[in-house]
Amino acid sequence: MPVVLVTGATGYIGGRLVPVLLEAGHQVRCLVRNPSKLADALWVDDVEVVKGDVTDRQALEEVMAGVDVSYYLVHSMGGPASFDEEDRRAATCFRDAAAAAGVARIIYLGGLGRDDDPTLSRHLRSRHEVGRVLADGPVPVSELRAALIIGSGSASFEMLRYLVEVLPAMITPRWVDIRCQPIAIRDVLARLVAAAERTDGVSEVLEVGGPDVLTYRQMMHTYAEVAGLPRRLVVSIPLLTPKLSSLWVGLVTPLPSGLAKPLVQSQMNEVVVTETAPIEQTGKVPPPLPFRSAVELALKSSADIQVATRWSDAGLPGQSPALPLPSDPEWAGGSILIDEQSATSAASESALFATVSGIGGGRGWYVTPLLWSARGWVDKLIGGVGMRRGRRHPDQLWVGDALDFWRVEAVERDRLVRLSAEMKLPGKAWLEWRIDPDPSGTGSRLTQRAIFYPRGLTGRLYWYSLIPFHVVIFARMARRIAAAAEQRPAPIALP
């Protein structure tokens, strides 16, 4: 079996593709910018993890040494205004490095849509351009093009899910009646793996989709039926622009408006399979699931808390890796403002850690839920992620998980949990809990720190204006977490 390189292994598709490749017998190497995000992956010990970036040509050539097939699963969706330029530059670098390293094939996941469609959205045009850039070299490319990917945690599925579940009636733009050909995540992965078996030197564009061609309106009605919800009233009007639509989607769903915008713009184009891919007739891939079955499977995975990856796992685009970390020495990044609270608990260190690990999502933040909710809505109104992302698992945290409007940055069992803020802020913020044995010799001690790295005068004014709220929130939060740990049932001792 060939040695394969997977870029984007911390993202939604890549994180699910790696275990499928391993199951198929491949040797897998993962290129990631932040290896700590894979520390808790169940398959991490079975792969080689290399730190790097797809824009570093020299590093790419070293990573690709001995690689037969390279998966290109990165893009700047929801990124800066110049996202297409960044995608073009990254694809060029990846293509040239693959050629220099002697890679036999590049596999790329793009988007459906006709190349000759003059109304193709900027996002889809960029996805198509990346495919052409990759193929404009000596390494053959298999470019798979898919429309909406239906799976628990995917951006497309979560957008559909929240629109239907939150709104019993909705006024929608005209794109709800444009045709689309969704495909289940299971079927996308099967076709990505099968593409690695191609041994000739021919480049190909493979259009993949499920058996159903539907409008978004039909998908919303089908989702409501599967979820056991009353039929939704959907009224479309031609006045809603893509910008207004993305802002509305950003308010109603967990997706920030910056990510909702390219999804909405892509929905304005008809994205259906125009030519059956040869891979469908080889017998190496299962027949694609109908849309209804894909929704049923996604909902079952969510209900069983079996969501392997989510759209939010990849992090927010445009974040600067140069910002200081709370673990840096004080001189590393200038002024760091800290609100530190502590509390003692009669509970054990493991019980206190378990309580901290269960914070957020459905359990909330132990104090002033109205203020937390209001902060989430304010963040949504200014284009942030808001609170609706929730959490992947009710009790367990993994590095890289999205948690309401935070991101899990560090987890040390029975010792530390650190969250990095992803709400809109004039600076960078963290919320950290450290757990130590109580000096008295009984129970444990919780040290809670709210940490802020301000950006300019605005950042400092923001921090000091919130000091009265810190008094109300943070001291009580530490005490209530400590008290909640004492109420946890003791573990049952096995005979």
Protein backbone atom coordinates (compact mmCIF):
# COMPACT_ATOMS: atom_id res chain seq x y z
CA MET A 1 0.00 0.00 0.00
CA PRO A 2 1.30 3.50 -0.75
CA VAL A 3 2.59 5.91 1.88
CA VAL A 4 0.17 8.83 2.03
CA LEU A 5 0.50 12.38 3.30
CA VAL A 6 -2.63 14.08 4.70
CA THR A 7 -2.73 17.83 5.02
CA GLY A 8 -5.56 19.32 7.07
CA ALA A 9 -5.66 16.36 9.46
CA THR A 10 -7.02 18.64 12.22
CA GLY A 11 -9.96 19.66 10.04
CA TYR A 12 -13.36 18.07 9.48
CA ILE A 13 -12.52 15.96 6.42
CA GLY A 14 -8.89 15.19 7.23
CA GLY A 15 -9.63 14.12 10.78
CA ARG A 16 -12.09 11.53 9.49
CA LEU A 17 -10.02 10.46 6.51
CA VAL A 18 -6.94 9.41 8.48
CA PRO A 19 -8.54 6.48 10.39
CA VAL A 20 -10.21 5.27 7.18
CA LEU A 21 -6.83 5.26 5.42
CA LEU A 22 -5.28 3.35 8.32
CA GLU A 23 -8.10 0.81 8.21
CA ALA A 24 -7.37 0.34 4.50
CA GLY A 25 -3.75 -0.51 5.36
CA HIS A 26 -1.99 2.71 4.35
CA GLN A 27 0.99 4.22 6.11
CA VAL A 28 -0.08 7.76 7.00
CA ARG A 29 1.92 10.92 7.60
CA CYS A 30 0.08 14.04 8.79
CA LEU A 31 1.24 17.61 8.14
CA VAL A 32 -0.26 20.02 10.69
CA ARG A 33 0.56 23.49 11.95
CA ASN A 34 -0.25 22.59 15.55
CA PRO A 35 0.56 18.95 16.43
CA SER A 36 -0.96 19.34 19.91
CA LYS A 37 -4.41 19.33 18.27
CA LEU A 38 -3.87 15.66 17.41
CA ALA A 39 -2.57 14.66 20.84
CA ASP A 40 -5.90 13.12 21.85
CA ALA A 41 -6.78 11.53 18.51
CA LEU A 42 -7.35 7.81 18.96
CA TRP A 43 -5.16 7.08 15.94
CA VAL A 44 -2.26 9.44 16.68
CA ASP A 45 0.12 6.63 17.70
CA ASP A 46 -0.45 4.91 14.35
CA VAL A 47 0.64 7.85 12.18
CA GLU A 48 3.66 10.08 11.78
CA VAL A 49 2.84 13.68 12.74
CA VAL A 50 5.00 16.45 11.25
CA LYS A 51 4.72 20.14 12.07
CA GLY A 52 4.67 22.40 9.03
CA ASP A 53 2.74 24.60 6.65
CA VAL A 54 1.66 24.14 3.03
CA THR A 55 3.27 27.46 2.09
CA ASP A 56 6.78 26.37 3.16
CA ARG A 57 8.28 24.82 0.00
CA GLN A 58 11.47 23.48 1.57
CA ALA A 59 9.68 21.93 4.55
CA LEU A 60 7.11 20.38 2.21
CA GLU A 61 9.78 18.67 0.13
CA GLU A 62 11.26 17.13 3.29
CA VAL A 63 7.83 16.00 4.52
CA MET A 64 6.98 14.49 1.13
CA ALA A 65 10.15 12.41 0.90
CA GLY A 66 9.09 8.79 0.39
CA VAL A 67 5.41 9.72 -0.01
CA ASP A 68 3.43 8.13 -2.84
CA VAL A 69 0.10 9.99 -2.53
CA SER A 70 -0.54 13.44 -1.05
CA TYR A 71 -3.99 14.62 0.03
CA TYR A 72 -4.53 18.36 -0.28
CA LEU A 73 -7.39 19.17 2.12
CA VAL A 74 -6.73 22.80 3.07
CA HIS A 75 -8.43 25.99 1.96
CA SER A 76 -9.14 29.49 3.25
CA MET A 77 -12.92 29.28 3.51
CA GLY A 78 -14.13 32.14 5.69
CA GLY A 79 -10.62 33.60 5.69
CA PRO A 80 -9.33 37.05 4.77
CA ALA A 81 -10.47 39.10 1.79
CA SER A 82 -7.50 37.85 -0.22
CA PHE A 83 -8.31 34.18 0.43
CA ASP A 84 -8.16 33.25 -3.25
CA GLU A 85 -4.63 34.65 -3.56
CA GLU A 86 -3.54 32.69 -0.49
CA ASP A 87 -5.11 29.50 -1.84
CA ARG A 88 -3.38 30.01 -5.19
CA ARG A 89 0.00 30.53 -3.54
CA ALA A 90 -0.38 27.51 -1.25
CA ALA A 91 -1.49 25.24 -4.11
CA THR A 92 1.47 26.33 -6.25
CA CYS A 93 3.90 25.62 -3.43
CA PHE A 94 2.32 22.21 -2.75
CA ARG A 95 2.34 21.26 -6.45
CA ASP A 96 6.02 22.16 -6.93
CA ALA A 97 7.10 20.43 -3.72
CA ALA A 98 5.25 17.26 -4.71
CA ALA A 99 6.99 17.26 -8.10
CA ALA A 100 10.42 17.76 -6.53
CA ALA A 101 9.80 14.97 -4.00
CA GLY A 102 8.62 12.48 -6.63
CA VAL A 103 5.04 12.11 -5.34
CA ALA A 104 3.00 9.86 -7.65
CA ARG A 105 -0.43 11.49 -7.20
CA ILE A 106 -2.14 14.45 -5.53
CA ILE A 107 -5.75 14.04 -4.35
CA TYR A 108 -7.74 17.21 -3.82
CA LEU A 109 -11.31 17.77 -2.57
CA GLY A 110 -12.96 20.72 -4.31
CA GLY A 111 -16.49 21.92 -4.96
CA LEU A 112 -19.12 21.11 -7.57
CA GLY A 113 -20.21 23.68 -10.13
CA ARG A 114 -19.78 24.23 -13.86
CA ASP A 115 -16.52 25.85 -14.92
CA ASP A 116 -18.36 27.80 -17.63
CA ASP A 117 -20.94 29.24 -15.20
CA PRO A 118 -20.37 33.05 -15.23
CA THR A 119 -22.27 33.41 -11.92
CA LEU A 120 -20.07 30.93 -10.05
CA SER A 121 -19.36 32.28 -6.56
CA ARG A 122 -15.91 33.58 -5.74
CA HIS A 123 -15.43 30.73 -3.28
CA LEU A 124 -16.27 28.04 -5.84
CA ARG A 125 -14.16 29.77 -8.50
CA SER A 126 -11.24 29.65 -6.09
CA ARG A 127 -11.82 25.96 -5.34
CA HIS A 128 -11.79 25.20 -9.07
CA GLU A 129 -8.70 27.35 -9.58
CA VAL A 130 -6.84 25.42 -6.88
CA GLY A 131 -7.61 22.20 -8.78
CA ARG A 132 -6.21 23.70 -12.00
CA VAL A 133 -3.09 25.00 -10.24
CA LEU A 134 -2.39 21.60 -8.72
CA ALA A 135 -2.89 19.88 -12.10
CA ASP A 136 -0.62 22.38 -13.89
CA GLY A 137 2.45 20.33 -13.06
CA PRO A 138 3.99 16.93 -13.70
CA VAL A 139 2.21 15.17 -10.80
CA PRO A 140 -1.20 13.71 -11.82
CA VAL A 141 -4.12 15.02 -9.79
CA SER A 142 -7.42 13.43 -8.80
CA GLU A 143 -9.77 16.33 -8.07
CA LEU A 144 -12.99 15.23 -6.39
CA ARG A 145 -15.77 17.80 -6.54
CA ALA A 146 -18.61 17.62 -4.03
CA ALA A 147 -21.53 19.85 -3.05
CA LEU A 148 -23.01 19.87 0.47
CA ILE A 149 -21.40 17.22 2.66
CA ILE A 150 -23.92 15.75 5.08
CA GLY A 151 -22.43 14.41 8.29
CA SER A 152 -22.57 15.08 12.02
CA GLY A 153 -20.55 18.21 12.69
CA SER A 154 -20.06 19.36 9.08
CA ALA A 155 -20.56 23.07 8.41
CA SER A 156 -23.20 22.38 5.73
CA PHE A 157 -25.14 20.00 7.96
CA GLU A 158 -25.01 22.27 11.03
CA MET A 159 -26.25 25.21 8.98
CA LEU A 160 -29.20 23.14 7.72
CA ARG A 161 -29.85 21.67 11.15
CA TYR A 162 -30.01 24.94 13.06
CA LEU A 163 -32.08 26.76 10.47
CA VAL A 164 -34.73 24.03 10.63
CA GLU A 165 -34.64 23.40 14.38
CA VAL A 166 -34.58 27.04 15.48
CA LEU A 167 -37.04 28.56 13.00
CA PRO A 168 -40.57 27.11 12.59
CA ALA A 169 -41.14 29.69 9.85
CA MET A 170 -38.61 31.59 7.80
CA ILE A 171 -38.33 34.17 5.05
CA THR A 172 -35.54 33.03 2.78
CA PRO A 173 -33.66 34.26 -0.31
CA ARG A 174 -34.23 32.75 -3.74
CA TRP A 175 -31.34 30.31 -3.43
CA VAL A 176 -33.51 27.94 -1.40
CA ASP A 177 -35.01 26.80 -4.72
CA ILE A 178 -31.71 26.22 -6.55
CA ARG A 179 -30.80 22.57 -7.09
CA CYS A 180 -28.04 20.84 -5.18
CA GLN A 181 -26.73 17.26 -4.98
CA PRO A 182 -25.66 16.56 -1.36
CA ILE A 183 -23.48 13.62 -0.41
CA ALA A 184 -22.88 11.78 2.87
CA ILE A 185 -19.50 12.17 4.55
CA ARG A 186 -19.18 8.36 4.54
CA ASP A 187 -19.33 8.37 0.74
CA VAL A 188 -16.87 11.24 0.35
CA LEU A 189 -14.30 9.38 2.47
CA ALA A 190 -14.77 6.14 0.51
CA ARG A 191 -14.10 7.94 -2.75
CA LEU A 192 -11.08 9.80 -1.41
CA VAL A 193 -9.54 6.49 -0.32
CA ALA A 194 -10.36 4.79 -3.62
CA ALA A 195 -8.66 7.60 -5.55
CA ALA A 196 -5.35 6.64 -3.92
CA GLU A 197 -5.41 3.35 -5.82
CA ARG A 198 -5.17 5.10 -9.20
CA THR A 199 -1.76 4.11 -10.61
CA ASP A 200 -1.69 5.67 -14.08
CA GLY A 201 -0.36 9.13 -14.82
CA VAL A 202 -3.66 10.69 -15.81
CA SER A 203 -5.22 13.70 -14.07
CA GLU A 204 -8.97 13.58 -13.55
CA VAL A 205 -11.90 15.62 -12.26
CA LEU A 206 -14.39 13.38 -10.44
CA GLU A 207 -17.84 14.82 -9.72
CA VAL A 208 -19.35 13.01 -6.74
CA GLY A 209 -22.80 13.30 -5.24
CA GLY A 210 -25.60 11.35 -3.63
CA PRO A 211 -28.51 9.87 -5.60
CA ASP A 212 -30.86 12.80 -4.80
CA VAL A 213 -30.95 16.18 -6.52
CA LEU A 214 -32.82 18.54 -4.19
CA THR A 215 -33.43 22.19 -3.50
CA TYR A 216 -32.47 23.60 -0.12
CA ARG A 217 -36.19 23.97 0.61
CA GLN A 218 -36.66 20.24 0.02
CA MET A 219 -33.68 19.43 2.23
CA MET A 220 -35.13 21.54 5.05
CA HIS A 221 -38.49 19.77 4.80
CA THR A 222 -36.79 16.35 4.75
CA TYR A 223 -34.67 17.24 7.77
CA ALA A 224 -37.78 18.30 9.69
CA GLU A 225 -39.45 14.97 8.88
CA VAL A 226 -36.43 12.93 9.96
CA ALA A 227 -36.00 14.96 13.15
CA GLY A 228 -39.69 14.62 14.02
CA LEU A 229 -40.39 18.34 13.73
CA PRO A 230 -43.53 19.97 12.31
CA ARG A 231 -43.31 20.97 8.68
CA ARG A 232 -41.52 24.31 8.38
CA LEU A 233 -43.05 27.29 6.59
CA VAL A 234 -40.49 28.55 4.06
CA VAL A 235 -41.28 31.71 2.09
CA SER A 236 -38.67 32.91 -0.40
CA ILE A 237 -38.33 36.52 -1.54
CA PRO A 238 -35.83 37.98 -4.05
CA LEU A 239 -34.73 40.90 -1.85
CA LEU A 240 -32.36 39.13 0.53
CA THR A 241 -28.76 39.59 -0.65
CA PRO A 242 -26.02 37.03 0.08
CA LYS A 243 -24.55 39.41 2.65
CA LEU A 244 -27.83 39.78 4.51
CA SER A 245 -28.41 36.03 4.25
CA SER A 246 -24.99 35.25 5.74
CA LEU A 247 -25.55 37.69 8.60
CA TRP A 248 -28.91 36.02 9.32
CA VAL A 249 -27.35 32.54 9.16
CA GLY A 250 -24.60 33.79 11.49
CA LEU A 251 -27.19 34.86 14.04
CA VAL A 252 -29.35 31.73 13.92
CA THR A 253 -26.69 29.02 13.57
CA PRO A 254 -23.37 28.31 15.31
CA LEU A 255 -21.47 29.34 12.15
CA PRO A 256 -19.86 32.80 12.25
CA SER A 257 -21.01 35.06 9.43
CA GLY A 258 -17.54 34.97 7.88
CA LEU A 259 -17.90 31.22 7.34
CA ALA A 260 -21.61 31.40 6.51
CA LYS A 261 -20.99 33.86 3.68
CA PRO A 262 -19.10 31.49 1.31
CA LEU A 263 -21.57 28.71 2.10
CA VAL A 264 -24.50 30.96 1.23
CA GLN A 265 -22.81 32.27 -1.92
CA SER A 266 -22.14 28.70 -3.06
CA GLN A 267 -25.83 27.87 -2.58
CA MET A 268 -26.68 30.48 -5.20
CA ASN A 269 -25.14 28.24 -7.87
CA GLU A 270 -26.64 24.99 -9.12
CA VAL A 271 -24.21 22.31 -7.94
CA VAL A 272 -25.12 18.95 -9.43
CA VAL A 273 -23.15 16.11 -10.99
CA THR A 274 -23.02 16.52 -14.79
CA GLU A 275 -20.94 13.43 -15.55
CA THR A 276 -20.78 10.16 -13.62
CA ALA A 277 -17.28 9.62 -12.26
CA PRO A 278 -15.53 6.44 -13.53
CA ILE A 279 -14.83 5.53 -9.91
CA GLU A 280 -18.56 4.84 -9.42
CA GLN A 281 -18.41 1.92 -11.88
CA THR A 282 -15.36 0.15 -10.47
CA GLY A 283 -17.18 -1.57 -7.61
CA LYS A 284 -14.58 -0.23 -5.17
CA VAL A 285 -16.93 2.27 -3.54
CA PRO A 286 -20.38 1.64 -2.01
CA PRO A 287 -23.46 3.18 -3.66
CA PRO A 288 -23.97 6.64 -2.15
CA LEU A 289 -26.57 7.02 0.57
CA PRO A 290 -29.85 8.81 -0.17
CA PHE A 291 -30.15 12.22 1.48
CA ARG A 292 -32.68 11.02 4.04
CA SER A 293 -30.40 8.16 5.13
CA ALA A 294 -27.44 10.54 5.38
CA VAL A 295 -29.44 12.84 7.67
CA GLU A 296 -30.60 9.88 9.80
CA LEU A 297 -27.01 8.70 10.19
CA ALA A 298 -25.77 12.19 11.08
CA LEU A 299 -28.48 12.68 13.70
CA LYS A 300 -27.79 9.25 15.21
CA SER A 301 -24.08 10.03 15.49
CA SER A 302 -24.90 13.31 17.23
CA ALA A 303 -27.35 11.64 19.62
CA ASP A 304 -24.82 8.91 20.47
CA ILE A 305 -22.06 11.52 20.97
CA GLN A 306 -20.05 9.84 18.22
CA VAL A 307 -19.02 13.03 16.41
CA ALA A 308 -15.43 12.31 15.39
CA THR A 309 -14.77 15.79 13.97
CA ARG A 310 -16.68 19.05 13.60
CA TRP A 311 -16.45 22.05 11.28
CA SER A 312 -15.12 24.09 14.20
CA ASP A 313 -12.14 21.76 14.80
CA ALA A 314 -10.04 23.54 12.20
CA GLY A 315 -10.02 26.80 14.17
CA LEU A 316 -10.85 30.25 12.91
CA PRO A 317 -9.04 31.64 9.87
CA GLY A 318 -6.84 34.67 10.21
CA GLN A 319 -5.60 33.91 13.72
CA SER A 320 -2.04 34.98 14.32
CA PRO A 321 0.29 32.29 15.68
CA ALA A 322 2.63 35.06 16.85
CA LEU A 323 0.45 36.12 19.78
CA PRO A 324 1.90 35.24 23.19
CA LEU A 325 0.70 32.28 25.22
CA PRO A 326 -0.08 32.32 28.95
CA SER A 327 2.87 29.97 29.42
CA ASP A 328 5.31 32.45 27.86
CA PRO A 329 7.64 34.43 30.16
CA GLU A 330 6.17 37.80 31.11
CA TRP A 331 8.52 39.68 28.81
CA ALA A 332 7.59 37.65 25.71
CA GLY A 333 4.56 39.62 24.58
CA GLY A 334 4.25 42.84 26.57
CA SER A 335 1.46 43.54 29.04
CA ILE A 336 -0.58 40.60 30.27
CA LEU A 337 -3.61 41.44 32.44
CA ILE A 338 -4.76 38.73 34.85
CA ASP A 339 -7.73 38.16 37.12
CA GLU A 340 -6.78 35.30 39.45
CA GLN A 341 -9.17 33.53 41.80
CA SER A 342 -8.74 30.45 43.95
CA ALA A 343 -10.98 28.09 45.86
CA THR A 344 -10.53 24.94 47.91
CA SER A 345 -12.66 21.84 47.58
CA ALA A 346 -13.11 18.73 49.67
CA ALA A 347 -13.26 16.80 46.39
CA SER A 348 -10.31 14.92 44.96
CA GLU A 349 -8.13 16.36 42.23
CA SER A 350 -9.68 13.97 39.69
CA ALA A 351 -13.24 14.99 40.69
CA LEU A 352 -12.33 18.67 40.43
CA PHE A 353 -10.72 18.11 37.04
CA ALA A 354 -13.81 16.23 35.82
CA THR A 355 -16.03 19.12 36.92
CA VAL A 356 -13.87 21.67 35.11
CA SER A 357 -13.81 19.45 32.02
CA GLY A 358 -17.62 19.43 31.91
CA ILE A 359 -18.03 23.21 31.87
CA GLY A 360 -19.90 25.02 29.10
CA GLY A 361 -22.27 23.60 26.52
CA GLY A 362 -25.49 22.34 28.08
CA ARG A 363 -24.17 22.73 31.66
CA GLY A 364 -23.34 26.37 31.27
CA TRP A 365 -20.72 28.35 33.19
CA TYR A 366 -22.04 28.06 36.77
CA VAL A 367 -22.78 31.79 37.22
CA THR A 368 -24.91 34.51 35.58
CA PRO A 369 -26.17 32.50 32.58
CA LEU A 370 -27.97 35.60 31.30
CA LEU A 371 -24.70 37.55 31.06
CA TRP A 372 -22.95 34.68 29.27
CA SER A 373 -25.84 34.41 26.84
CA ALA A 374 -25.86 38.16 26.25
CA ARG A 375 -22.11 38.12 25.58
CA GLY A 376 -22.67 35.36 23.04
CA TRP A 377 -25.38 37.33 21.25
CA VAL A 378 -23.23 40.46 21.17
CA ASP A 379 -20.44 38.41 19.63
CA LYS A 380 -22.83 37.03 17.01
CA LEU A 381 -24.08 40.53 16.15
CA ILE A 382 -20.54 41.74 15.40
CA GLY A 383 -19.69 38.68 13.30
CA GLY A 384 -18.18 36.36 15.92
CA VAL A 385 -18.85 32.71 16.68
CA GLY A 386 -21.29 33.25 19.56
CA MET A 387 -22.21 30.53 22.07
CA ARG A 388 -24.10 28.08 19.85
CA ARG A 389 -21.14 25.88 18.94
CA GLY A 390 -21.56 24.10 22.28
CA ARG A 391 -19.16 21.20 22.80
CA ARG A 392 -18.46 17.87 21.14
CA HIS A 393 -18.80 15.67 24.26
CA PRO A 394 -20.61 16.56 27.50
CA ASP A 395 -17.83 15.31 29.80
CA GLN A 396 -14.55 15.08 27.92
CA LEU A 397 -12.30 17.71 26.37
CA TRP A 398 -9.64 17.32 23.70
CA VAL A 399 -7.07 19.87 22.62
CA GLY A 400 -8.49 21.77 19.63
CA ASP A 401 -12.15 21.28 20.58
CA ALA A 402 -14.51 24.21 20.17
CA LEU A 403 -16.31 25.02 23.44
CA ASP A 404 -18.98 27.72 23.05
CA PHE A 405 -16.89 30.75 22.06
CA TRP A 406 -13.65 29.25 23.37
CA ARG A 407 -11.12 26.77 21.97
CA VAL A 408 -9.47 24.11 24.15
CA GLU A 409 -5.77 24.95 24.08
CA ALA A 410 -4.31 22.69 26.77
CA VAL A 411 -5.49 19.72 28.82
CA GLU A 412 -3.39 17.92 31.44
CA ARG A 413 -5.37 15.25 33.24
CA ASP A 414 -6.12 16.14 36.89
CA ARG A 415 -3.94 19.27 36.57
CA LEU A 416 -4.87 21.83 33.93
CA VAL A 417 -7.51 23.05 31.47
CA ARG A 418 -6.85 26.15 29.37
CA LEU A 419 -9.29 27.74 26.93
CA SER A 420 -8.42 30.31 24.28
CA ALA A 421 -11.11 32.88 23.43
CA GLU A 422 -12.49 33.04 19.90
CA MET A 423 -15.04 35.79 20.43
CA LYS A 424 -14.39 39.21 18.85
CA LEU A 425 -12.02 41.04 21.19
CA PRO A 426 -9.52 43.93 21.08
CA GLY A 427 -6.80 41.49 22.10
CA LYS A 428 -6.32 37.84 23.02
CA ALA A 429 -7.90 36.12 26.04
CA TRP A 430 -7.62 32.83 27.90
CA LEU A 431 -9.48 31.18 30.76
CA GLU A 432 -7.37 28.72 32.72
CA TRP A 433 -7.88 26.37 35.65
CA ARG A 434 -4.99 24.74 37.54
CA ILE A 435 -5.63 21.97 40.05
CA ASP A 436 -3.27 21.14 42.91
CA PRO A 437 -3.45 19.16 46.14
CA ASP A 438 -4.74 21.29 49.00
CA PRO A 439 -1.81 22.26 51.30
CA SER A 440 -3.87 21.07 54.28
CA GLY A 441 -3.55 17.53 52.96
CA THR A 442 -7.25 16.99 52.26
CA GLY A 443 -9.09 17.74 49.06
CA SER A 444 -7.81 19.94 46.26
CA ARG A 445 -7.20 23.54 45.33
CA LEU A 446 -8.44 25.31 42.20
CA THR A 447 -6.60 28.31 40.76
CA GLN A 448 -8.59 30.09 38.08
CA ARG A 449 -7.06 32.76 35.86
CA ALA A 450 -8.72 35.03 33.29
CA ILE A 451 -5.83 36.26 31.15
CA PHE A 452 -5.92 39.08 28.62
CA TYR A 453 -3.32 40.33 26.18
CA PRO A 454 -4.69 43.77 25.17
CA ARG A 455 -4.28 45.31 21.74
CA GLY A 456 -3.63 49.02 22.09
CA LEU A 457 -5.61 51.47 24.18
CA THR A 458 -8.91 49.90 23.10
CA GLY A 459 -7.86 46.58 24.60
CA ARG A 460 -6.95 48.14 27.92
CA LEU A 461 -10.18 50.12 28.10
CA TYR A 462 -12.09 46.93 27.35
CA TRP A 463 -10.41 45.04 30.21
CA TYR A 464 -10.85 47.75 32.82
CA SER A 465 -14.47 48.39 31.84
CA LEU A 466 -15.22 44.74 32.61
CA ILE A 467 -13.66 44.68 36.09
CA PRO A 468 -17.08 45.09 37.83
CA PHE A 469 -18.35 42.06 35.87
CA HIS A 470 -15.22 40.10 36.77
CA VAL A 471 -16.04 40.64 40.43
CA VAL A 472 -19.53 39.25 39.86
CA ILE A 473 -18.51 36.36 37.61
CA PHE A 474 -15.03 34.98 38.16
CA ALA A 475 -14.80 34.75 41.97
CA ARG A 476 -18.21 33.07 42.18
CA MET A 477 -17.35 30.77 39.29
CA ALA A 478 -14.27 29.36 41.01
CA ARG A 479 -16.19 28.77 44.25
CA ARG A 480 -19.12 27.12 42.49
CA ILE A 481 -16.89 24.81 40.46
CA ALA A 482 -15.16 23.75 43.67
CA ALA A 483 -18.53 23.16 45.34
CA ALA A 484 -19.93 21.26 42.33
CA ALA A 485 -16.93 18.90 42.43
CA GLU A 486 -17.87 17.96 46.00
CA GLN A 487 -21.31 16.89 44.77
CA ARG A 488 -20.00 14.49 42.16
CA PRO A 489 -20.78 10.83 42.96
CA ALA A 490 -17.76 8.87 44.11
CA PRO A 491 -16.41 6.34 41.57
CA ILE A 492 -17.61 2.80 42.12
CA ALA A 493 -14.84 0.46 43.24
CA LEU A 494 -14.81 -2.73 41.18
CA PRO A 495 -14.44 -6.00 43.11
